[in-house]
Amino acid sequence: MASRHLSRSIAMQSLYEWDFYGKKPGVLEKIVERNIKEFGPGLEDKDFVRQLAKDVASRLDDIDKIIKEAAPEWPIGQITIIDRNVLRIGLCELLYGNKEEVPPKVAINEAIELAKSFGGDSSGKFINGVLGTVYKELNSK
């Protein structure tokens, strides 16, 4: 598994756990550190995991608002925790990330791959649909 993909997987698993247990302040950092030790002992860029999880958490309200607008038929609470956090990572990279480091299509593709690996049968299509909608909206402005 490529280093960045593994980093995103660890960030997603950390955000999943944090979300599952109520998004308590100050807990995400501990979860991320534990998951880096458990799932990424030889990981080259551990700071990427930390920064991605931190960026998602710090922009959570804005990202969730965008999800609500892009998928109005799916209230945030009804989206599975996996899909919700994959969307959050994808949107964070798509909207707020360094486009030279992670081009928009790479951010979308990586989110789809995470959804296929960790989500249900239709997760990849769902993630692709929501992120594709946001991407098209960005490019129409």
C-alpha atoms as a PDB file:
ATOM      1  CA  MET A   1       0.000   0.000   0.000  1.00  0.00           C
ATOM      2  CA  ALA A   2       1.429   3.381  -0.987  1.00  0.00           C
ATOM      3  CA  SER A   3       2.493   5.657   1.849  1.00  0.00           C
ATOM      4  CA  ARG A   4      -0.093   8.388   1.227  1.00  0.00           C
ATOM      5  CA  HIS A   5      -2.893   5.845   0.804  1.00  0.00           C
ATOM      6  CA  LEU A   6      -1.916   4.173   4.079  1.00  0.00           C
ATOM      7  CA  SER A   7      -1.813   7.613   5.726  1.00  0.00           C
ATOM      8  CA  ARG A   8      -5.344   8.363   4.530  1.00  0.00           C
ATOM      9  CA  SER A   9      -6.493   4.961   5.776  1.00  0.00           C
ATOM     10  CA  ILE A  10      -5.087   5.667   9.226  1.00  0.00           C
ATOM     11  CA  ALA A  11      -6.634   9.153   9.255  1.00  0.00           C
ATOM     12  CA  MET A  12      -9.996   7.693   8.223  1.00  0.00           C
ATOM     13  CA  GLN A  13      -9.872   5.001  10.897  1.00  0.00           C
ATOM     14  CA  SER A  14      -8.962   7.625  13.489  1.00  0.00           C
ATOM     15  CA  LEU A  15     -11.781   9.949  12.418  1.00  0.00           C
ATOM     16  CA  TYR A  16     -14.188   6.999  12.429  1.00  0.00           C
ATOM     17  CA  GLU A  17     -13.313   6.163  16.030  1.00  0.00           C
ATOM     18  CA  TRP A  18     -13.456   9.803  17.103  1.00  0.00           C
ATOM     19  CA  ASP A  19     -16.856  10.234  15.412  1.00  0.00           C
ATOM     20  CA  PHE A  20     -18.187   6.941  16.825  1.00  0.00           C
ATOM     21  CA  TYR A  21     -17.372   7.994  20.387  1.00  0.00           C
ATOM     22  CA  GLY A  22     -18.935  11.457  20.116  1.00  0.00           C
ATOM     23  CA  LYS A  23     -16.139  13.698  18.716  1.00  0.00           C
ATOM     24  CA  LYS A  24     -14.837  14.650  22.159  1.00  0.00           C
ATOM     25  CA  PRO A  25     -12.349  17.549  22.163  1.00  0.00           C
ATOM     26  CA  GLY A  26      -8.703  16.641  22.597  1.00  0.00           C
ATOM     27  CA  VAL A  27      -9.226  12.925  21.959  1.00  0.00           C
ATOM     28  CA  LEU A  28      -8.558  12.767  18.220  1.00  0.00           C
ATOM     29  CA  GLU A  29      -4.838  13.429  18.615  1.00  0.00           C
ATOM     30  CA  LYS A  30      -4.472  10.466  20.992  1.00  0.00           C
ATOM     31  CA  ILE A  31      -6.434   8.207  18.651  1.00  0.00           C
ATOM     32  CA  VAL A  32      -4.273   9.258  15.695  1.00  0.00           C
ATOM     33  CA  GLU A  33      -1.033   8.575  17.589  1.00  0.00           C
ATOM     34  CA  ARG A  34      -2.232   5.147  18.719  1.00  0.00           C
ATOM     35  CA  ASN A  35      -3.356   4.250  15.189  1.00  0.00           C
ATOM     36  CA  ILE A  36      -0.066   5.416  13.650  1.00  0.00           C
ATOM     37  CA  LYS A  37       1.789   3.104  16.044  1.00  0.00           C
ATOM     38  CA  GLU A  38      -0.573   0.208  15.356  1.00  0.00           C
ATOM     39  CA  PHE A  39      -1.165   0.482  11.603  1.00  0.00           C
ATOM     40  CA  GLY A  40       1.782   2.519  10.300  1.00  0.00           C
ATOM     41  CA  PRO A  41       4.944   1.674  12.217  1.00  0.00           C
ATOM     42  CA  GLY A  42       7.207   2.159   9.175  1.00  0.00           C
ATOM     43  CA  LEU A  43       5.239   5.061   7.728  1.00  0.00           C
ATOM     44  CA  GLU A  44       7.539   7.717   6.274  1.00  0.00           C
ATOM     45  CA  ASP A  45       5.326  10.807   6.632  1.00  0.00           C
ATOM     46  CA  LYS A  46       3.432  10.485   9.896  1.00  0.00           C
ATOM     47  CA  ASP A  47       2.787  14.222   9.885  1.00  0.00           C
ATOM     48  CA  PHE A  48       0.510  13.798   6.853  1.00  0.00           C
ATOM     49  CA  VAL A  49      -1.820  11.601   8.941  1.00  0.00           C
ATOM     50  CA  ARG A  50      -1.787  14.052  11.831  1.00  0.00           C
ATOM     51  CA  GLN A  51      -2.371  17.085   9.614  1.00  0.00           C
ATOM     52  CA  LEU A  52      -5.157  15.482   7.594  1.00  0.00           C
ATOM     53  CA  ALA A  53      -7.080  14.404  10.700  1.00  0.00           C
ATOM     54  CA  LYS A  54      -6.517  17.812  12.304  1.00  0.00           C
ATOM     55  CA  ASP A  55      -7.663  19.654   9.152  1.00  0.00           C
ATOM     56  CA  VAL A  56     -10.845  17.589   8.909  1.00  0.00           C
ATOM     57  CA  ALA A  57     -11.652  18.138  12.589  1.00  0.00           C
ATOM     58  CA  SER A  58     -10.976  21.882  12.439  1.00  0.00           C
ATOM     59  CA  ARG A  59     -13.220  22.319   9.373  1.00  0.00           C
ATOM     60  CA  LEU A  60     -15.846  19.772  10.390  1.00  0.00           C
ATOM     61  CA  ASP A  61     -18.819  22.159  10.434  1.00  0.00           C
ATOM     62  CA  ASP A  62     -17.971  23.612   7.010  1.00  0.00           C
ATOM     63  CA  ILE A  63     -17.345  20.177   5.504  1.00  0.00           C
ATOM     64  CA  ASP A  64     -20.573  18.739   6.927  1.00  0.00           C
ATOM     65  CA  LYS A  65     -22.512  21.703   5.542  1.00  0.00           C
ATOM     66  CA  ILE A  66     -21.094  20.962   2.087  1.00  0.00           C
ATOM     67  CA  ILE A  67     -22.079  17.287   2.431  1.00  0.00           C
ATOM     68  CA  LYS A  68     -25.633  18.344   3.342  1.00  0.00           C
ATOM     69  CA  GLU A  69     -25.803  20.568   0.252  1.00  0.00           C
ATOM     70  CA  ALA A  70     -24.258  17.998  -2.111  1.00  0.00           C
ATOM     71  CA  ALA A  71     -26.334  15.072  -0.801  1.00  0.00           C
ATOM     72  CA  PRO A  72     -29.582  16.626   0.462  1.00  0.00           C
ATOM     73  CA  GLU A  73     -31.431  13.302   0.398  1.00  0.00           C
ATOM     74  CA  TRP A  74     -28.900  11.895   2.879  1.00  0.00           C
ATOM     75  CA  PRO A  75     -28.920  13.605   6.292  1.00  0.00           C
ATOM     76  CA  ILE A  76     -25.460  13.485   7.877  1.00  0.00           C
ATOM     77  CA  GLY A  77     -26.673  11.177  10.659  1.00  0.00           C
ATOM     78  CA  GLN A  78     -27.983   8.658   8.119  1.00  0.00           C
ATOM     79  CA  ILE A  79     -24.728   8.374   6.171  1.00  0.00           C
ATOM     80  CA  THR A  80     -22.675   5.468   7.515  1.00  0.00           C
ATOM     81  CA  ILE A  81     -19.790   6.514   9.741  1.00  0.00           C
ATOM     82  CA  ILE A  82     -17.277   5.137   7.241  1.00  0.00           C
ATOM     83  CA  ASP A  83     -18.799   6.973   4.271  1.00  0.00           C
ATOM     84  CA  ARG A  84     -19.223  10.164   6.278  1.00  0.00           C
ATOM     85  CA  ASN A  85     -15.559  10.236   7.269  1.00  0.00           C
ATOM     86  CA  VAL A  86     -14.306   9.244   3.826  1.00  0.00           C
ATOM     87  CA  LEU A  87     -16.341  12.151   2.435  1.00  0.00           C
ATOM     88  CA  ARG A  88     -14.863  14.464   5.046  1.00  0.00           C
ATOM     89  CA  ILE A  89     -11.312  13.473   4.074  1.00  0.00           C
ATOM     90  CA  GLY A  90     -12.067  13.755   0.364  1.00  0.00           C
ATOM     91  CA  LEU A  91     -13.715  17.154   0.730  1.00  0.00           C
ATOM     92  CA  CYS A  92     -10.956  18.435   2.979  1.00  0.00           C
ATOM     93  CA  GLU A  93      -8.319  17.522   0.405  1.00  0.00           C
ATOM     94  CA  LEU A  94     -10.470  18.672  -2.523  1.00  0.00           C
ATOM     95  CA  LEU A  95     -11.394  22.056  -1.068  1.00  0.00           C
ATOM     96  CA  TYR A  96      -8.653  23.005   1.362  1.00  0.00           C
ATOM     97  CA  GLY A  97      -5.619  20.932   0.393  1.00  0.00           C
ATOM     98  CA  ASN A  98      -2.569  21.903  -1.590  1.00  0.00           C
ATOM     99  CA  LYS A  99      -3.678  21.310  -5.210  1.00  0.00           C
ATOM    100  CA  GLU A 100      -0.072  20.894  -6.362  1.00  0.00           C
ATOM    101  CA  GLU A 101       0.513  18.168  -3.790  1.00  0.00           C
ATOM    102  CA  VAL A 102      -2.877  16.464  -4.207  1.00  0.00           C
ATOM    103  CA  PRO A 103      -4.697  17.382  -7.432  1.00  0.00           C
ATOM    104  CA  PRO A 104      -8.513  17.315  -7.184  1.00  0.00           C
ATOM    105  CA  LYS A 105      -8.898  14.132  -9.231  1.00  0.00           C
ATOM    106  CA  VAL A 106      -6.378  12.358  -7.000  1.00  0.00           C
ATOM    107  CA  ALA A 107      -8.275  13.468  -3.881  1.00  0.00           C
ATOM    108  CA  ILE A 108     -11.509  12.097  -5.362  1.00  0.00           C
ATOM    109  CA  ASN A 109      -9.913   8.834  -6.513  1.00  0.00           C
ATOM    110  CA  GLU A 110      -8.262   8.254  -3.139  1.00  0.00           C
ATOM    111  CA  ALA A 111     -11.583   8.798  -1.346  1.00  0.00           C
ATOM    112  CA  ILE A 112     -13.302   6.330  -3.690  1.00  0.00           C
ATOM    113  CA  GLU A 113     -10.590   3.750  -3.007  1.00  0.00           C
ATOM    114  CA  LEU A 114     -10.988   4.221   0.765  1.00  0.00           C
ATOM    115  CA  ALA A 115     -14.744   3.775   0.396  1.00  0.00           C
ATOM    116  CA  LYS A 116     -14.271   0.579  -1.611  1.00  0.00           C
ATOM    117  CA  SER A 117     -11.822  -0.790   0.960  1.00  0.00           C
ATOM    118  CA  PHE A 118     -13.709   0.087   4.128  1.00  0.00           C
ATOM    119  CA  GLY A 119     -17.311   0.814   3.151  1.00  0.00           C
ATOM    120  CA  GLY A 120     -20.245  -1.146   1.832  1.00  0.00           C
ATOM    121  CA  ASP A 121     -21.073  -2.306  -1.683  1.00  0.00           C
ATOM    122  CA  SER A 122     -22.377   1.080  -2.838  1.00  0.00           C
ATOM    123  CA  SER A 123     -19.929   3.263  -0.890  1.00  0.00           C
ATOM    124  CA  GLY A 124     -17.599   3.917  -3.821  1.00  0.00           C
ATOM    125  CA  LYS A 125     -20.452   5.078  -6.040  1.00  0.00           C
ATOM    126  CA  PHE A 126     -21.887   7.256  -3.277  1.00  0.00           C
ATOM    127  CA  ILE A 127     -18.541   8.911  -2.547  1.00  0.00           C
ATOM    128  CA  ASN A 128     -17.899   9.405  -6.255  1.00  0.00           C
ATOM    129  CA  GLY A 129     -21.328  11.000  -6.709  1.00  0.00           C
ATOM    130  CA  VAL A 130     -20.996  13.457  -3.830  1.00  0.00           C
ATOM    131  CA  LEU A 131     -17.385  14.445  -4.533  1.00  0.00           C
ATOM    132  CA  GLY A 132     -18.106  14.644  -8.265  1.00  0.00           C
ATOM    133  CA  THR A 133     -21.001  17.022  -7.575  1.00  0.00           C
ATOM    134  CA  VAL A 134     -18.800  19.275  -5.450  1.00  0.00           C
ATOM    135  CA  TYR A 135     -15.979  19.162  -8.029  1.00  0.00           C
ATOM    136  CA  LYS A 136     -18.351  20.138 -10.854  1.00  0.00           C
ATOM    137  CA  GLU A 137     -19.726  22.962  -8.728  1.00  0.00           C
ATOM    138  CA  LEU A 138     -16.183  24.249  -8.075  1.00  0.00           C
ATOM    139  CA  ASN A 139     -15.352  24.217 -11.771  1.00  0.00           C
ATOM    140  CA  SER A 140     -18.555  25.982 -12.795  1.00  0.00           C
ATOM    141  CA  LYS A 141     -17.686  29.088 -10.782  1.00  0.00           C
END
